[in-house]
N, C-alpha and C. Protein backbone atom coordinates (compact mmCIF):
# COMPACT_ATOMS: atom_id res chain seq x y z
N LEU A 1 62.09 71.20 216.55
CA LEU A 1 61.83 71.85 215.39
C LEU A 1 60.82 71.27 214.69
N CYS A 2 59.71 71.67 214.16
CA CYS A 2 58.64 70.73 213.41
C CYS A 2 59.34 70.76 211.79
N PRO A 3 58.79 69.92 211.37
CA PRO A 3 59.51 69.91 209.60
C PRO A 3 59.18 71.01 208.63
N ILE A 4 58.37 71.95 209.06
CA ILE A 4 58.71 73.19 208.53
C ILE A 4 59.72 74.18 208.94
N ASN A 5 59.94 74.20 210.37
CA ASN A 5 60.80 74.78 210.77
C ASN A 5 62.24 74.49 210.46
N PHE A 6 62.21 72.94 210.41
CA PHE A 6 63.74 72.89 210.08
C PHE A 6 63.75 72.86 208.63
N ARG A 7 63.07 72.93 207.90
CA ARG A 7 63.42 73.49 206.47
C ARG A 7 63.49 74.48 206.38
N GLN A 8 62.61 75.79 207.01
CA GLN A 8 63.32 77.27 206.88
C GLN A 8 64.27 77.32 207.57
N PHE A 9 64.95 76.43 208.29
CA PHE A 9 66.48 76.39 209.24
C PHE A 9 67.29 76.51 207.96
N ALA A 10 66.90 74.96 207.54
CA ALA A 10 68.19 74.65 206.65
C ALA A 10 68.09 75.37 205.47
N ARG A 11 67.29 75.95 204.82
CA ARG A 11 67.23 77.00 203.74
C ARG A 11 67.88 78.10 204.19
N GLU A 12 67.86 78.72 205.30
CA GLU A 12 68.25 79.91 205.59
C GLU A 12 69.84 79.84 205.67
N LEU A 13 69.74 78.38 206.64
CA LEU A 13 71.33 78.06 206.81
C LEU A 13 72.31 78.13 205.25
N GLU A 14 71.79 77.18 204.51
CA GLU A 14 72.25 77.15 203.38
C GLU A 14 72.50 78.32 202.52
N ARG A 15 71.98 79.36 202.62
CA ARG A 15 71.86 80.18 202.15
C ARG A 15 72.68 81.29 202.36
N ARG A 16 73.26 81.11 203.36
CA ARG A 16 73.74 81.82 204.04
C ARG A 16 75.64 81.18 203.94
N ILE A 17 75.59 79.90 203.99
CA ILE A 17 76.95 79.17 203.54
C ILE A 17 77.23 79.39 202.29
N SER A 18 76.28 79.30 201.47
CA SER A 18 76.46 79.55 200.02
C SER A 18 77.47 80.33 199.63
N ARG A 19 77.46 81.43 200.15
CA ARG A 19 78.02 82.96 200.20
C ARG A 19 79.35 82.81 200.19
N HIS A 20 79.91 81.56 200.90
CA HIS A 20 81.36 81.29 201.05
C HIS A 20 81.79 79.82 200.27
N GLY A 21 80.75 79.70 199.26
CA GLY A 21 81.28 78.60 198.64
C GLY A 21 80.90 77.00 198.72
N VAL A 22 80.09 77.04 199.65
CA VAL A 22 80.07 75.36 200.42
C VAL A 22 78.43 75.32 200.40
N SER A 23 78.09 74.00 199.87
CA SER A 23 77.17 73.83 199.41
C SER A 23 76.63 72.99 200.68
N SER A 24 75.28 72.68 200.89
CA SER A 24 74.71 71.81 202.13
C SER A 24 75.10 70.48 202.30
N GLY A 25 75.75 69.86 201.19
CA GLY A 25 76.26 68.44 201.40
C GLY A 25 77.78 68.61 202.26
N GLN A 26 78.32 69.67 201.66
CA GLN A 26 79.79 69.98 201.84
C GLN A 26 79.75 70.28 203.40
N TRP A 27 78.65 70.89 203.93
CA TRP A 27 78.28 71.61 205.15
C TRP A 27 78.40 70.38 206.28
N ARG A 28 77.73 69.06 205.79
CA ARG A 28 77.44 67.97 206.79
C ARG A 28 78.92 67.30 206.81
N SER A 29 79.84 67.11 205.75
CA SER A 29 80.99 66.57 205.86
C SER A 29 81.77 67.53 206.72
N LEU A 30 81.75 68.68 206.30
CA LEU A 30 82.70 69.78 207.29
C LEU A 30 82.40 69.63 208.40
N ARG A 31 81.28 69.85 208.85
CA ARG A 31 80.86 69.48 210.16
C ARG A 31 81.39 68.60 211.02
N VAL A 32 81.28 67.49 210.40
CA VAL A 32 81.89 66.20 210.93
C VAL A 32 83.38 65.98 210.92
N LEU A 33 83.96 66.78 209.92
CA LEU A 33 85.57 66.88 209.93
C LEU A 33 86.33 67.74 210.91
N TRP A 34 85.58 68.94 211.16
CA TRP A 34 85.60 69.95 212.33
C TRP A 34 85.71 69.20 213.73
N GLU A 35 84.93 68.35 213.99
CA GLU A 35 85.21 67.37 215.06
C GLU A 35 86.01 66.58 215.31
N GLY A 36 86.78 66.01 213.81
CA GLY A 36 87.37 64.90 213.96
C GLY A 36 88.22 64.98 212.82
N ASP A 37 89.09 65.74 212.70
CA ASP A 37 89.87 65.64 211.11
C ASP A 37 90.77 64.53 211.16
N GLY A 38 90.76 63.97 209.72
CA GLY A 38 92.08 62.93 209.60
C GLY A 38 91.25 61.59 209.81
N ILE A 39 89.46 61.23 209.52
CA ILE A 39 89.16 60.02 209.82
C ILE A 39 89.19 59.75 208.36
N THR A 40 89.22 58.39 208.35
CA THR A 40 88.78 57.66 207.08
C THR A 40 87.66 58.06 206.08
N GLN A 41 87.49 57.38 204.96
CA GLN A 41 86.19 57.99 204.15
C GLN A 41 84.89 57.05 204.71
N ARG A 42 85.59 56.15 204.97
CA ARG A 42 84.20 54.84 205.76
C ARG A 42 83.76 55.49 207.02
N GLU A 43 84.81 56.05 208.11
CA GLU A 43 84.29 56.98 209.15
C GLU A 43 83.32 58.17 208.63
N LEU A 44 83.64 58.78 207.93
CA LEU A 44 83.11 60.20 207.44
C LEU A 44 81.36 59.92 206.91
N SER A 45 81.71 58.95 206.06
CA SER A 45 80.29 57.82 205.62
C SER A 45 79.37 57.73 206.85
N GLU A 46 79.71 56.77 207.50
CA GLU A 46 79.19 56.65 208.69
C GLU A 46 78.53 57.78 209.73
N ARG A 47 79.45 58.54 209.62
CA ARG A 47 79.29 59.65 210.52
C ARG A 47 78.33 60.98 209.88
N VAL A 48 78.23 61.04 208.71
CA VAL A 48 77.41 61.74 207.74
C VAL A 48 76.08 60.99 207.90
N GLY A 49 76.07 59.93 207.66
CA GLY A 49 75.25 59.22 207.38
C GLY A 49 74.22 58.91 205.54
N ALA A 50 75.57 58.57 205.12
CA ALA A 50 75.60 58.33 203.55
C ALA A 50 76.33 57.26 203.47
N THR A 51 76.03 57.00 201.77
CA THR A 51 76.38 55.69 201.38
C THR A 51 78.08 56.12 200.93
N GLU A 52 78.70 54.91 200.63
CA GLU A 52 80.24 55.56 200.44
C GLU A 52 80.33 55.87 199.24
N ALA A 53 79.59 55.55 198.37
CA ALA A 53 79.41 56.14 196.82
C ALA A 53 79.19 57.43 197.09
N THR A 54 78.18 57.92 197.89
CA THR A 54 78.23 59.60 198.12
C THR A 54 79.05 59.96 198.82
N THR A 55 79.55 59.61 199.57
CA THR A 55 80.77 60.16 200.06
C THR A 55 82.16 60.19 199.30
N VAL A 56 82.34 59.56 198.19
CA VAL A 56 83.36 59.70 197.62
C VAL A 56 83.19 60.75 196.86
N SER A 57 81.68 60.73 196.06
CA SER A 57 81.62 61.87 195.32
C SER A 57 81.81 63.48 195.95
N MET A 58 81.09 63.13 197.18
CA MET A 58 81.48 64.43 198.36
C MET A 58 83.01 64.90 198.39
N ILE A 59 83.84 63.85 198.84
CA ILE A 59 85.10 64.20 198.81
C ILE A 59 85.79 64.87 197.68
N ARG A 60 85.38 64.19 196.27
CA ARG A 60 86.01 64.70 195.33
C ARG A 60 85.51 66.27 195.38
N ARG A 61 84.70 66.84 195.43
CA ARG A 61 83.91 68.08 195.66
C ARG A 61 84.99 68.66 196.52
N LEU A 62 84.90 68.16 197.40
CA LEU A 62 85.73 68.99 198.77
C LEU A 62 86.89 68.82 198.51
N VAL A 63 87.48 68.01 197.75
CA VAL A 63 88.90 68.20 197.22
C VAL A 63 89.59 69.32 195.82
N ARG A 64 88.32 69.08 195.19
CA ARG A 64 88.46 69.99 193.85
C ARG A 64 88.15 71.61 194.35
N ASP A 65 87.35 71.65 195.78
CA ASP A 65 87.25 73.19 195.78
C ASP A 65 88.21 73.47 196.94
N GLY A 66 89.22 72.56 197.44
CA GLY A 66 89.99 73.30 198.09
C GLY A 66 89.84 72.95 199.64
N LEU A 67 89.10 72.11 199.70
CA LEU A 67 88.72 71.94 201.48
C LEU A 67 89.48 70.83 202.06
N VAL A 68 89.34 69.78 201.55
CA VAL A 68 90.22 68.86 202.28
C VAL A 68 91.38 68.14 201.24
N GLU A 69 92.24 67.37 201.89
CA GLU A 69 93.18 66.41 201.49
C GLU A 69 92.86 64.87 201.55
N ARG A 70 93.39 64.18 200.43
CA ARG A 70 93.59 62.72 200.71
C ARG A 70 94.86 62.56 201.46
N ARG A 71 94.76 61.60 202.55
CA ARG A 71 96.53 61.45 202.88
C ARG A 71 96.34 59.74 203.14
N PRO A 72 97.64 59.35 202.84
CA PRO A 72 97.52 57.96 203.39
C PRO A 72 97.69 57.82 204.90
N ASP A 73 97.17 56.80 205.36
CA ASP A 73 97.11 56.24 206.81
C ASP A 73 99.01 56.10 206.99
N PRO A 74 99.41 56.36 207.86
CA PRO A 74 100.64 56.11 208.12
C PRO A 74 100.96 54.65 208.78
N ASP A 75 99.72 54.07 209.71
CA ASP A 75 99.65 52.70 209.88
C ASP A 75 99.18 51.51 208.95
N ASP A 76 98.37 52.02 208.14
CA ASP A 76 97.62 50.85 207.30
C ASP A 76 97.58 51.43 205.57
N ALA A 77 98.70 51.18 205.06
CA ALA A 77 98.23 51.53 203.55
C ALA A 77 97.31 51.81 202.68
N ARG A 78 96.35 50.75 203.24
CA ARG A 78 95.45 50.41 202.71
C ARG A 78 94.15 51.41 202.70
N LYS A 79 94.56 52.22 203.72
CA LYS A 79 93.45 53.36 204.52
C LYS A 79 94.12 54.78 203.85
N VAL A 80 92.81 55.57 203.56
CA VAL A 80 93.02 56.66 203.32
C VAL A 80 92.45 57.93 204.31
N ARG A 81 92.98 58.91 204.78
CA ARG A 81 92.44 59.92 205.84
C ARG A 81 92.64 61.22 205.04
N ILE A 82 91.29 61.55 205.38
CA ILE A 82 90.40 63.14 204.96
C ILE A 82 90.98 64.12 206.06
N VAL A 83 91.62 64.79 205.75
CA VAL A 83 92.16 65.91 206.12
C VAL A 83 91.73 67.43 205.93
N LEU A 84 91.39 67.95 206.62
CA LEU A 84 91.05 69.63 205.94
C LEU A 84 92.15 70.34 206.13
N THR A 85 91.74 71.27 204.91
CA THR A 85 92.91 72.31 204.46
C THR A 85 92.97 73.80 205.54
N PRO A 86 93.86 74.11 205.36
CA PRO A 86 93.78 75.27 206.20
C PRO A 86 92.49 76.63 205.87
N ARG A 87 92.34 76.65 204.35
CA ARG A 87 91.15 77.24 203.89
C ARG A 87 89.49 76.72 204.67
N ALA A 88 89.59 75.66 204.68
CA ALA A 88 88.22 74.71 205.70
C ALA A 88 88.66 75.29 206.82
N ARG A 89 89.70 75.01 207.63
CA ARG A 89 89.70 75.82 208.98
C ARG A 89 89.40 77.28 209.21
N ARG A 90 89.55 78.13 208.09
CA ARG A 90 89.40 78.95 208.40
C ARG A 90 87.87 79.12 208.47
N LEU A 91 87.41 78.36 207.46
CA LEU A 91 85.82 78.78 207.12
C LEU A 91 85.00 77.95 208.44
N GLN A 92 85.71 77.27 209.04
CA GLN A 92 84.92 76.89 210.84
C GLN A 92 84.74 78.04 211.11
N ALA A 93 85.54 78.97 211.35
CA ALA A 93 84.83 80.07 212.47
C ALA A 93 84.05 81.39 211.78
N ARG A 94 83.66 80.97 210.20
CA ARG A 94 82.82 81.50 209.40
C ARG A 94 81.34 81.45 209.64
N LEU A 95 81.42 80.01 209.50
CA LEU A 95 80.29 79.21 209.35
C LEU A 95 79.53 78.91 210.29
N ILE A 96 80.11 78.30 211.57
CA ILE A 96 79.75 77.81 212.41
C ILE A 96 78.52 78.92 213.60
N PRO A 97 78.70 80.21 213.38
CA PRO A 97 78.28 81.15 213.89
C PRO A 97 76.78 81.09 213.24
N TYR A 98 76.98 80.72 212.14
CA TYR A 98 75.75 80.80 211.52
C TYR A 98 74.47 80.09 211.98
N VAL A 99 74.67 78.97 212.46
CA VAL A 99 73.65 78.02 213.04
C VAL A 99 73.23 78.90 214.15
N ASP A 100 73.99 79.54 215.50
CA ASP A 100 73.16 80.00 216.14
C ASP A 100 72.49 81.35 215.79
N GLU A 101 72.77 82.04 214.57
CA GLU A 101 71.97 83.13 214.06
C GLU A 101 70.51 82.68 213.58
N VAL A 102 70.93 81.75 212.79
CA VAL A 102 69.52 81.21 211.98
C VAL A 102 68.76 80.49 212.94
N HIS A 103 68.93 79.87 214.05
CA HIS A 103 68.88 79.19 214.92
C HIS A 103 67.68 80.43 216.26
């Protein structure tokens, strides 16, 4: 896609997902978590391509909105796993089809 088309795609996708109370930033995190639930904050940060500080803020919003939970890693007390809630899992079936619709 050329830059103009990508911007149009992103804008239209954001319009559709926002109906479900999901921002574009949350969308990026959710997409990663739908592919690999229960990853660490650092792994999420790397996969989304964001700084850890940005990821911390995003996770706070996802927790606030009832989309993820922080859970202690059973094997390493220093780590926290980011786990999808049932609400976030239900949203996957609603939001993923928007990509094809917009495309």
